[in-house]
Structures are given as structure tokens and as C-alpha cells.
Amino acid sequence: GEDVLFIANDWHTALIPCYLKSMYQLRGIYMNAKVAFCIHNIAYQGRFAFSDYSLLNLPDEYRSSFDFVDGYAKPIKGRKINWMKAGMLESHRVVTVSPYYAQELVSGVDKGVELDNVLRKTCITGIVNGMDTQEWNPATDKYTDVKYDITTVMDAKPLLKEALQAAVGLPVDRKIPLIGFIGRLEEQKGSDILVAAVHEFIGLDVQIIVLGTGKKEFEQQIEQLEVLYPEKAKGVAKFNVPLAHMI
């Protein structure tokens, strides 16, 4: 139907509100449609040479929404087009993945990565990421051998811990504390803090499993953990849905 809400996620889809207005609504299509632009990671904005605007097949009236002076030297410092900036300005609402991240993005130029001023103009709402309660229901999870609910969780957890330890090659011990981390390996997620902290607490009676992908330096560091601490740590630098459910 015509009453549609388009959700544009990050810079890759930031042209949606521009094309909606300039190509569809101009022809009487999707006249009631709205666009919510969702920021997951503001560090990636889609900054390109200013001359590339002509490749977007958009009217000149949208050029100012893309116009951006890049304060960073890489790859080229100076005037560019910024897809994320345009997505923010041309969408009907700007949202992000949590109230805290929304506050962080407008707190300064470093946290907003040079778009904090734009966000203060458009306003931004933080909405906590949802969870698929069917996929992650421990009573029916297809990736775990032991199912449980609120009445059986205390009996099931030790068994699941042992299965996880065996799956990643750690010594099986239901009594030892086992720390699990799943996430993108970047500073924004605290990966640098995590890796540094492991060396501080790994001497205790504890195990840790880190699962994630991201910057190569962090992937190499988490994989090195099991070399340094083979009986204590396991680092898996790849996308692994079954292991994520086990953790």
C-alpha cells in the first residue's frame, strides 16, 4: 500500500529518503510514506569526493544536504559529499540503537564524528535494540542440547557450560567462572579494553570465550589469547551463530 514506513539503516541506505522525494513522490507515488533513518555506527558515513554528487542522479536542491567539509586527512581532507548527513536531514525521523548512544552522538565532535551539529538540529531518539524472543527462547533453542525455562535454569546452566567448554576445547569444569563476549571487534564496543583486561585477570580461576569479527588487529589479538592461555581462553574471529547461542 501507500502508507509505508521505510527504515534506512546506516549510510548504505541513506539515499532512500532522497529518492523517495525526488523520484517517487514527485510522480504521486508513496505520497504518505515516511522514512526513519537508523544510525548503528556513526563512524562509517559514506564520505566521497564532492564531484561524485553528479553520479547520484539527484536534483541540485539536495546538494546542500550532502555538502560536507571533512576534518580528517584520510583519504583526502576537505569538501566532500556525506551520505549519512543527507540521510539524517532528508528523513522524517532519526533514531539509533539506544538512549545512551543517542546522548553520546550529540555530546561532541569526537563522539558524533563531525555530525554532532547535524544531529542537534534533526534531533535523535534512542530505541533499545529488540530481541527475537522465538529464536532466543532457551526452551526451544535449536542450537543448544539442553532446553530450560525459569523452573529448570539452575539445573541446565552447568550442563550447557560443560557443552560450551567442550565445543571450544577448554577444560570442562562446571564450577569455574566462564566469561563470554559476543560483539563487533572495534574500539566502539570496548574490544581494546577487553583484550587488555584479559591479561590482568586471566591468572585467576576463570575462563573466557570471545566471539566476533571486526578490525584485523583485534581479531589477531583474540586469536592469540588461546596461544598464550590455552587452558583459559578461546578467541573465535568469525561469524558463528551456533556458538553465539551456546555462549
C-alpha atoms as a PDB file:
ATOM      1  CA  GLY A   1       0.000   0.000   0.000  1.00  0.00           C
ATOM      2  CA  GLU A   2       0.857   3.664   0.033  1.00  0.00           C
ATOM      3  CA  ASP A   3       1.103   4.017   3.821  1.00  0.00           C
ATOM      4  CA  VAL A   4       4.656   2.757   4.214  1.00  0.00           C
ATOM      5  CA  LEU A   5       7.422   3.377   6.722  1.00  0.00           C
ATOM      6  CA  PHE A   6      10.862   2.841   5.219  1.00  0.00           C
ATOM      7  CA  ILE A   7      13.632   2.167   7.744  1.00  0.00           C
ATOM      8  CA  ALA A   8      17.027   3.150   6.365  1.00  0.00           C
ATOM      9  CA  ASN A   9      19.952   1.595   8.236  1.00  0.00           C
ATOM     10  CA  ASP A  10      23.265   3.477   8.225  1.00  0.00           C
ATOM     11  CA  TRP A  11      24.915   5.258   5.310  1.00  0.00           C
ATOM     12  CA  HIS A  12      24.465   2.425   2.803  1.00  0.00           C
ATOM     13  CA  THR A  13      20.725   3.165   2.617  1.00  0.00           C
ATOM     14  CA  ALA A  14      20.869   6.912   3.270  1.00  0.00           C
ATOM     15  CA  LEU A  15      19.757   7.780  -0.266  1.00  0.00           C
ATOM     16  CA  ILE A  16      16.294   6.277   0.300  1.00  0.00           C
ATOM     17  CA  PRO A  17      14.632   9.485   1.579  1.00  0.00           C
ATOM     18  CA  CYS A  18      16.208  11.472  -1.259  1.00  0.00           C
ATOM     19  CA  TYR A  19      14.972   9.102  -3.957  1.00  0.00           C
ATOM     20  CA  LEU A  20      11.587   8.766  -2.262  1.00  0.00           C
ATOM     21  CA  LYS A  21      11.034  12.512  -2.553  1.00  0.00           C
ATOM     22  CA  SER A  22      12.705  13.203  -5.891  1.00  0.00           C
ATOM     23  CA  MET A  23      11.623  10.150  -7.900  1.00  0.00           C
ATOM     24  CA  TYR A  24       8.513   8.635  -6.335  1.00  0.00           C
ATOM     25  CA  GLN A  25       6.565  11.336  -4.532  1.00  0.00           C
ATOM     26  CA  LEU A  26       7.256  13.721  -7.399  1.00  0.00           C
ATOM     27  CA  ARG A  27       5.234  11.271  -9.520  1.00  0.00           C
ATOM     28  CA  GLY A  28       2.472  10.849  -6.958  1.00  0.00           C
ATOM     29  CA  ILE A  29       3.761   7.511  -5.632  1.00  0.00           C
ATOM     30  CA  TYR A  30       4.158   6.735  -1.911  1.00  0.00           C
ATOM     31  CA  MET A  31       2.776  10.150  -1.046  1.00  0.00           C
ATOM     32  CA  ASN A  32       2.096   9.125   2.565  1.00  0.00           C
ATOM     33  CA  ALA A  33       5.352   7.231   3.035  1.00  0.00           C
ATOM     34  CA  LYS A  34       7.814   8.215   5.753  1.00  0.00           C
ATOM     35  CA  VAL A  35      11.474   7.374   6.344  1.00  0.00           C
ATOM     36  CA  ALA A  36      13.146   6.664   9.678  1.00  0.00           C
ATOM     37  CA  PHE A  37      16.921   6.783   9.454  1.00  0.00           C
ATOM     38  CA  CYS A  38      18.632   4.485  11.968  1.00  0.00           C
ATOM     39  CA  ILE A  39      22.263   5.015  12.983  1.00  0.00           C
ATOM     40  CA  HIS A  40      24.048   1.860  14.079  1.00  0.00           C
ATOM     41  CA  ASN A  41      27.626   3.099  13.752  1.00  0.00           C
ATOM     42  CA  ILE A  42      28.247   6.764  13.043  1.00  0.00           C
ATOM     43  CA  ALA A  43      31.926   6.165  12.319  1.00  0.00           C
ATOM     44  CA  TYR A  44      31.003   4.938   8.826  1.00  0.00           C
ATOM     45  CA  GLN A  45      29.265   7.745   6.941  1.00  0.00           C
ATOM     46  CA  GLY A  46      29.807   7.303   3.219  1.00  0.00           C
ATOM     47  CA  ARG A  47      32.122  10.235   2.531  1.00  0.00           C
ATOM     48  CA  PHE A  48      33.006  10.650  -1.142  1.00  0.00           C
ATOM     49  CA  ALA A  49      34.508  13.227  -3.478  1.00  0.00           C
ATOM     50  CA  PHE A  50      32.262  16.260  -3.939  1.00  0.00           C
ATOM     51  CA  SER A  51      32.319  15.740  -7.697  1.00  0.00           C
ATOM     52  CA  ASP A  52      30.631  12.350  -7.207  1.00  0.00           C
ATOM     53  CA  TYR A  53      27.319  14.050  -6.451  1.00  0.00           C
ATOM     54  CA  SER A  54      26.540  14.072 -10.164  1.00  0.00           C
ATOM     55  CA  LEU A  55      26.589  10.258 -10.133  1.00  0.00           C
ATOM     56  CA  LEU A  56      23.641  10.076  -7.720  1.00  0.00           C
ATOM     57  CA  ASN A  57      21.068  11.280 -10.265  1.00  0.00           C
ATOM     58  CA  LEU A  58      19.547  13.707  -7.778  1.00  0.00           C
ATOM     59  CA  PRO A  59      18.344  17.291  -8.371  1.00  0.00           C
ATOM     60  CA  ASP A  60      20.620  20.147  -7.328  1.00  0.00           C
ATOM     61  CA  GLU A  61      18.245  21.059  -4.499  1.00  0.00           C
ATOM     62  CA  TYR A  62      19.586  18.101  -2.492  1.00  0.00           C
ATOM     63  CA  ARG A  63      23.237  19.020  -2.929  1.00  0.00           C
ATOM     64  CA  SER A  64      23.368  21.098   0.258  1.00  0.00           C
ATOM     65  CA  SER A  65      22.197  18.122   2.324  1.00  0.00           C
ATOM     66  CA  PHE A  66      25.247  16.180   1.128  1.00  0.00           C
ATOM     67  CA  ASP A  67      27.738  19.062   1.313  1.00  0.00           C
ATOM     68  CA  PHE A  68      30.316  18.312   3.986  1.00  0.00           C
ATOM     69  CA  VAL A  69      33.752  19.574   4.984  1.00  0.00           C
ATOM     70  CA  ASP A  70      35.818  16.599   6.126  1.00  0.00           C
ATOM     71  CA  GLY A  71      38.142  17.372   9.019  1.00  0.00           C
ATOM     72  CA  TYR A  72      40.015  14.090   8.684  1.00  0.00           C
ATOM     73  CA  ALA A  73      43.085  13.777   6.478  1.00  0.00           C
ATOM     74  CA  LYS A  74      42.266  10.304   5.134  1.00  0.00           C
ATOM     75  CA  PRO A  75      41.894   9.745   2.286  1.00  0.00           C
ATOM     76  CA  ILE A  76      41.521  13.397   1.255  1.00  0.00           C
ATOM     77  CA  LYS A  77      40.798  16.260   3.605  1.00  0.00           C
ATOM     78  CA  GLY A  78      38.328  18.925   2.545  1.00  0.00           C
ATOM     79  CA  ARG A  79      34.968  19.279   0.832  1.00  0.00           C
ATOM     80  CA  LYS A  80      33.062  16.071   0.133  1.00  0.00           C
ATOM     81  CA  ILE A  81      29.588  14.616  -0.022  1.00  0.00           C
ATOM     82  CA  ASN A  82      28.347  12.746   3.026  1.00  0.00           C
ATOM     83  CA  TRP A  83      25.582  10.190   2.518  1.00  0.00           C
ATOM     84  CA  MET A  84      24.803   9.830   6.214  1.00  0.00           C
ATOM     85  CA  LYS A  85      24.409  13.572   6.639  1.00  0.00           C
ATOM     86  CA  ALA A  86      21.896  13.621   3.788  1.00  0.00           C
ATOM     87  CA  GLY A  87      20.047  10.643   5.239  1.00  0.00           C
ATOM     88  CA  MET A  88      19.674  12.465   8.541  1.00  0.00           C
ATOM     89  CA  LEU A  89      18.480  15.722   7.011  1.00  0.00           C
ATOM     90  CA  GLU A  90      16.077  14.252   4.458  1.00  0.00           C
ATOM     91  CA  SER A  91      14.444  11.587   6.669  1.00  0.00           C
ATOM     92  CA  HIS A  92      11.394  12.249   8.798  1.00  0.00           C
ATOM     93  CA  ARG A  93      12.932  10.833  11.984  1.00  0.00           C
ATOM     94  CA  VAL A  94      16.449   9.923  13.087  1.00  0.00           C
ATOM     95  CA  VAL A  95      16.835   7.074  15.558  1.00  0.00           C
ATOM     96  CA  THR A  96      19.634   4.965  16.978  1.00  0.00           C
ATOM     97  CA  VAL A  97      20.102   1.743  18.914  1.00  0.00           C
ATOM     98  CA  SER A  98      19.913   3.015  22.497  1.00  0.00           C
ATOM     99  CA  PRO A  99      19.114   6.156  24.508  1.00  0.00           C
ATOM    100  CA  TYR A 100      22.712   6.239  25.764  1.00  0.00           C
ATOM    101  CA  TYR A 101      24.157   6.139  22.234  1.00  0.00           C
ATOM    102  CA  ALA A 102      21.796   8.947  21.237  1.00  0.00           C
ATOM    103  CA  GLN A 103      23.220  11.100  24.045  1.00  0.00           C
ATOM    104  CA  GLU A 104      26.771  10.129  23.134  1.00  0.00           C
ATOM    105  CA  LEU A 105      26.367  11.126  19.481  1.00  0.00           C
ATOM    106  CA  VAL A 106      25.457  14.719  20.332  1.00  0.00           C
ATOM    107  CA  SER A 107      27.982  15.086  23.162  1.00  0.00           C
ATOM    108  CA  GLY A 108      30.816  16.366  20.973  1.00  0.00           C
ATOM    109  CA  VAL A 109      32.580  16.324  17.638  1.00  0.00           C
ATOM    110  CA  ASP A 110      34.612  13.222  18.501  1.00  0.00           C
ATOM    111  CA  LYS A 111      31.636  11.084  19.544  1.00  0.00           C
ATOM    112  CA  GLY A 112      29.466  12.402  16.729  1.00  0.00           C
ATOM    113  CA  VAL A 113      32.352  12.053  14.261  1.00  0.00           C
ATOM    114  CA  GLU A 114      31.736  15.562  12.884  1.00  0.00           C
ATOM    115  CA  LEU A 115      27.966  15.085  12.558  1.00  0.00           C
ATOM    116  CA  ASP A 116      27.017  16.063  16.106  1.00  0.00           C
ATOM    117  CA  ASN A 117      25.842  19.510  14.991  1.00  0.00           C
ATOM    118  CA  VAL A 118      23.562  17.973  12.368  1.00  0.00           C
ATOM    119  CA  LEU A 119      22.055  15.628  14.943  1.00  0.00           C
ATOM    120  CA  ARG A 120      21.341  18.502  17.296  1.00  0.00           C
ATOM    121  CA  LYS A 121      19.289  20.090  14.511  1.00  0.00           C
ATOM    122  CA  THR A 122      17.387  16.980  13.464  1.00  0.00           C
ATOM    123  CA  CYS A 123      17.094  15.520  16.985  1.00  0.00           C
ATOM    124  CA  ILE A 124      17.693  11.822  17.559  1.00  0.00           C
ATOM    125  CA  THR A 125      15.776   9.197  19.517  1.00  0.00           C
ATOM    126  CA  GLY A 126      17.392   6.162  21.096  1.00  0.00           C
ATOM    127  CA  ILE A 127      15.406   2.927  20.874  1.00  0.00           C
ATOM    128  CA  VAL A 128      16.889  -0.131  22.562  1.00  0.00           C
ATOM    129  CA  ASN A 129      17.612  -2.996  20.174  1.00  0.00           C
ATOM    130  CA  GLY A 130      14.927  -5.636  20.289  1.00  0.00           C
ATOM    131  CA  MET A 131      15.407  -9.386  20.604  1.00  0.00           C
ATOM    132  CA  ASP A 132      13.750 -12.197  18.683  1.00  0.00           C
ATOM    133  CA  THR A 133      12.047 -13.993  21.564  1.00  0.00           C
ATOM    134  CA  GLN A 134      11.421 -17.070  19.438  1.00  0.00           C
ATOM    135  CA  GLU A 135      14.967 -17.540  18.150  1.00  0.00           C
ATOM    136  CA  TRP A 136      16.486 -16.897  21.585  1.00  0.00           C
ATOM    137  CA  ASN A 137      13.933 -18.801  23.656  1.00  0.00           C
ATOM    138  CA  PRO A 138      16.037 -21.232  25.767  1.00  0.00           C
ATOM    139  CA  ALA A 139      13.104 -23.622  25.979  1.00  0.00           C
ATOM    140  CA  THR A 140      13.148 -24.191  22.205  1.00  0.00           C
ATOM    141  CA  ASP A 141      16.639 -23.064  21.085  1.00  0.00           C
ATOM    142  CA  LYS A 142      17.687 -25.363  18.233  1.00  0.00           C
ATOM    143  CA  TYR A 143      21.380 -24.693  18.825  1.00  0.00           C
ATOM    144  CA  THR A 144      21.541 -25.976  22.411  1.00  0.00           C
ATOM    145  CA  ASP A 145      21.223 -29.587  23.524  1.00  0.00           C
ATOM    146  CA  VAL A 146      19.709 -28.790  26.912  1.00  0.00           C
ATOM    147  CA  LYS A 147      16.492 -26.772  26.952  1.00  0.00           C
ATOM    148  CA  TYR A 148      15.315 -24.881  30.006  1.00  0.00           C
ATOM    149  CA  ASP A 149      12.844 -22.386  31.382  1.00  0.00           C
ATOM    150  CA  ILE A 150      12.627 -20.398  34.593  1.00  0.00           C
ATOM    151  CA  THR A 151      11.932 -23.538  36.622  1.00  0.00           C
ATOM    152  CA  THR A 152      14.881 -25.577  35.297  1.00  0.00           C
ATOM    153  CA  VAL A 153      17.524 -22.929  34.569  1.00  0.00           C
ATOM    154  CA  MET A 154      19.706 -23.756  37.581  1.00  0.00           C
ATOM    155  CA  ASP A 155      19.940 -27.412  36.577  1.00  0.00           C
ATOM    156  CA  ALA A 156      20.500 -26.698  32.879  1.00  0.00           C
ATOM    157  CA  LYS A 157      23.166 -23.994  33.080  1.00  0.00           C
ATOM    158  CA  PRO A 158      26.009 -26.212  34.398  1.00  0.00           C
ATOM    159  CA  LEU A 159      25.312 -28.753  31.652  1.00  0.00           C
ATOM    160  CA  LEU A 160      25.315 -26.049  28.995  1.00  0.00           C
ATOM    161  CA  LYS A 161      28.566 -24.638  30.347  1.00  0.00           C
ATOM    162  CA  GLU A 162      30.214 -28.041  30.045  1.00  0.00           C
ATOM    163  CA  ALA A 163      28.940 -28.422  26.484  1.00  0.00           C
ATOM    164  CA  LEU A 164      30.325 -24.988  25.586  1.00  0.00           C
ATOM    165  CA  GLN A 165      33.704 -25.710  27.155  1.00  0.00           C
ATOM    166  CA  ALA A 166      33.957 -28.978  25.244  1.00  0.00           C
ATOM    167  CA  ALA A 167      32.883 -27.341  21.975  1.00  0.00           C
ATOM    168  CA  VAL A 168      35.684 -24.754  22.063  1.00  0.00           C
ATOM    169  CA  GLY A 169      38.344 -27.024  23.528  1.00  0.00           C
ATOM    170  CA  LEU A 170      38.595 -25.620  27.043  1.00  0.00           C
ATOM    171  CA  PRO A 171      38.938 -27.875  30.098  1.00  0.00           C
ATOM    172  CA  VAL A 172      35.472 -28.987  31.161  1.00  0.00           C
ATOM    173  CA  ASP A 173      34.710 -27.734  34.657  1.00  0.00           C
ATOM    174  CA  ARG A 174      31.224 -26.681  35.685  1.00  0.00           C
ATOM    175  CA  LYS A 175      32.496 -24.851  38.777  1.00  0.00           C
ATOM    176  CA  ILE A 176      34.927 -22.431  37.128  1.00  0.00           C
ATOM    177  CA  PRO A 177      33.542 -18.978  36.198  1.00  0.00           C
ATOM    178  CA  LEU A 178      33.212 -18.703  32.408  1.00  0.00           C
ATOM    179  CA  ILE A 179      33.092 -15.242  30.814  1.00  0.00           C
ATOM    180  CA  GLY A 180      31.572 -14.852  27.357  1.00  0.00           C
ATOM    181  CA  PHE A 181      31.809 -11.920  24.930  1.00  0.00           C
ATOM    182  CA  ILE A 182      29.969 -11.642  21.606  1.00  0.00           C
ATOM    183  CA  GLY A 183      30.291  -8.494  19.537  1.00  0.00           C
ATOM    184  CA  ARG A 184      31.943  -6.454  16.838  1.00  0.00           C
ATOM    185  CA  LEU A 185      35.657  -6.117  17.478  1.00  0.00           C
ATOM    186  CA  GLU A 186      36.143  -2.355  17.465  1.00  0.00           C
ATOM    187  CA  GLU A 187      37.006   0.357  19.970  1.00  0.00           C
ATOM    188  CA  GLN A 188      33.370   1.426  19.978  1.00  0.00           C
ATOM    189  CA  LYS A 189      32.459  -1.914  21.562  1.00  0.00           C
ATOM    190  CA  GLY A 190      35.332  -1.782  24.034  1.00  0.00           C
ATOM    191  CA  SER A 191      37.333  -4.543  22.358  1.00  0.00           C
ATOM    192  CA  ASP A 192      40.619  -2.802  23.136  1.00  0.00           C
ATOM    193  CA  ILE A 193      39.659  -2.615  26.814  1.00  0.00           C
ATOM    194  CA  LEU A 194      38.574  -6.262  26.831  1.00  0.00           C
ATOM    195  CA  VAL A 195      41.825  -7.588  25.361  1.00  0.00           C
ATOM    196  CA  ALA A 196      43.908  -5.530  27.785  1.00  0.00           C
ATOM    197  CA  ALA A 197      41.784  -6.659  30.741  1.00  0.00           C
ATOM    198  CA  VAL A 198      42.123 -10.360  29.902  1.00  0.00           C
ATOM    199  CA  HIS A 199      45.844 -10.250  30.628  1.00  0.00           C
ATOM    200  CA  GLU A 200      45.066  -8.737  34.027  1.00  0.00           C
ATOM    201  CA  PHE A 201      42.514 -11.285  35.277  1.00  0.00           C
ATOM    202  CA  ILE A 202      43.422 -14.456  33.394  1.00  0.00           C
ATOM    203  CA  GLY A 203      45.652 -15.553  36.279  1.00  0.00           C
ATOM    204  CA  LEU A 204      42.546 -16.048  38.403  1.00  0.00           C
ATOM    205  CA  ASP A 205      40.475 -19.221  38.397  1.00  0.00           C
ATOM    206  CA  VAL A 206      38.482 -18.206  35.317  1.00  0.00           C
ATOM    207  CA  GLN A 207      37.931 -18.951  31.629  1.00  0.00           C
ATOM    208  CA  ILE A 208      36.911 -16.619  28.799  1.00  0.00           C
ATOM    209  CA  ILE A 209      35.472 -17.084  25.301  1.00  0.00           C
ATOM    210  CA  VAL A 210      35.480 -14.175  22.839  1.00  0.00           C
ATOM    211  CA  LEU A 211      33.444 -14.402  19.624  1.00  0.00           C
ATOM    212  CA  GLY A 212      33.353 -11.681  16.997  1.00  0.00           C
ATOM    213  CA  THR A 213      34.709 -10.104  13.852  1.00  0.00           C
ATOM    214  CA  GLY A 214      35.933  -6.603  13.114  1.00  0.00           C
ATOM    215  CA  LYS A 215      39.270  -4.872  12.914  1.00  0.00           C
ATOM    216  CA  LYS A 216      42.070  -7.227  11.952  1.00  0.00           C
ATOM    217  CA  GLU A 217      44.272  -6.145  14.847  1.00  0.00           C
ATOM    218  CA  PHE A 218      41.595  -7.165  17.355  1.00  0.00           C
ATOM    219  CA  GLU A 219      40.838 -10.409  15.526  1.00  0.00           C
ATOM    220  CA  GLN A 220      44.512 -11.306  15.739  1.00  0.00           C
ATOM    221  CA  GLN A 221      44.643 -10.351  19.408  1.00  0.00           C
ATOM    222  CA  ILE A 222      41.697 -12.530  20.437  1.00  0.00           C
ATOM    223  CA  GLU A 223      43.034 -15.469  18.430  1.00  0.00           C
ATOM    224  CA  GLN A 224      46.369 -15.007  20.188  1.00  0.00           C
ATOM    225  CA  LEU A 225      44.661 -15.392  23.578  1.00  0.00           C
ATOM    226  CA  GLU A 226      44.349 -19.158  23.221  1.00  0.00           C
ATOM    227  CA  VAL A 227      48.003 -19.372  22.215  1.00  0.00           C
ATOM    228  CA  LEU A 228      49.029 -17.510  25.351  1.00  0.00           C
ATOM    229  CA  TYR A 229      46.456 -19.142  27.640  1.00  0.00           C
ATOM    230  CA  PRO A 230      45.404 -22.458  26.045  1.00  0.00           C
ATOM    231  CA  GLU A 231      43.709 -23.739  29.205  1.00  0.00           C
ATOM    232  CA  LYS A 232      41.946 -20.473  29.945  1.00  0.00           C
ATOM    233  CA  ALA A 233      40.940 -18.603  26.794  1.00  0.00           C
ATOM    234  CA  LYS A 234      39.407 -19.125  23.370  1.00  0.00           C
ATOM    235  CA  GLY A 235      39.124 -16.473  20.673  1.00  0.00           C
ATOM    236  CA  VAL A 236      36.947 -17.088  17.609  1.00  0.00           C
ATOM    237  CA  ALA A 237      37.222 -14.388  14.940  1.00  0.00           C
ATOM    238  CA  LYS A 238      34.361 -15.390  12.681  1.00  0.00           C
ATOM    239  CA  PHE A 239      30.576 -15.309  12.416  1.00  0.00           C
ATOM    240  CA  ASN A 240      29.254 -18.376  14.214  1.00  0.00           C
ATOM    241  CA  VAL A 241      25.540 -18.464  15.057  1.00  0.00           C
ATOM    242  CA  PRO A 242      25.502 -21.838  16.894  1.00  0.00           C
ATOM    243  CA  LEU A 243      28.424 -20.795  19.098  1.00  0.00           C
ATOM    244  CA  ALA A 244      26.761 -17.452  19.823  1.00  0.00           C
ATOM    245  CA  HIS A 245      23.696 -19.296  21.109  1.00  0.00           C
ATOM    246  CA  MET A 246      25.832 -21.583  23.244  1.00  0.00           C
ATOM    247  CA  ILE A 247      27.658 -18.632  24.800  1.00  0.00           C
END
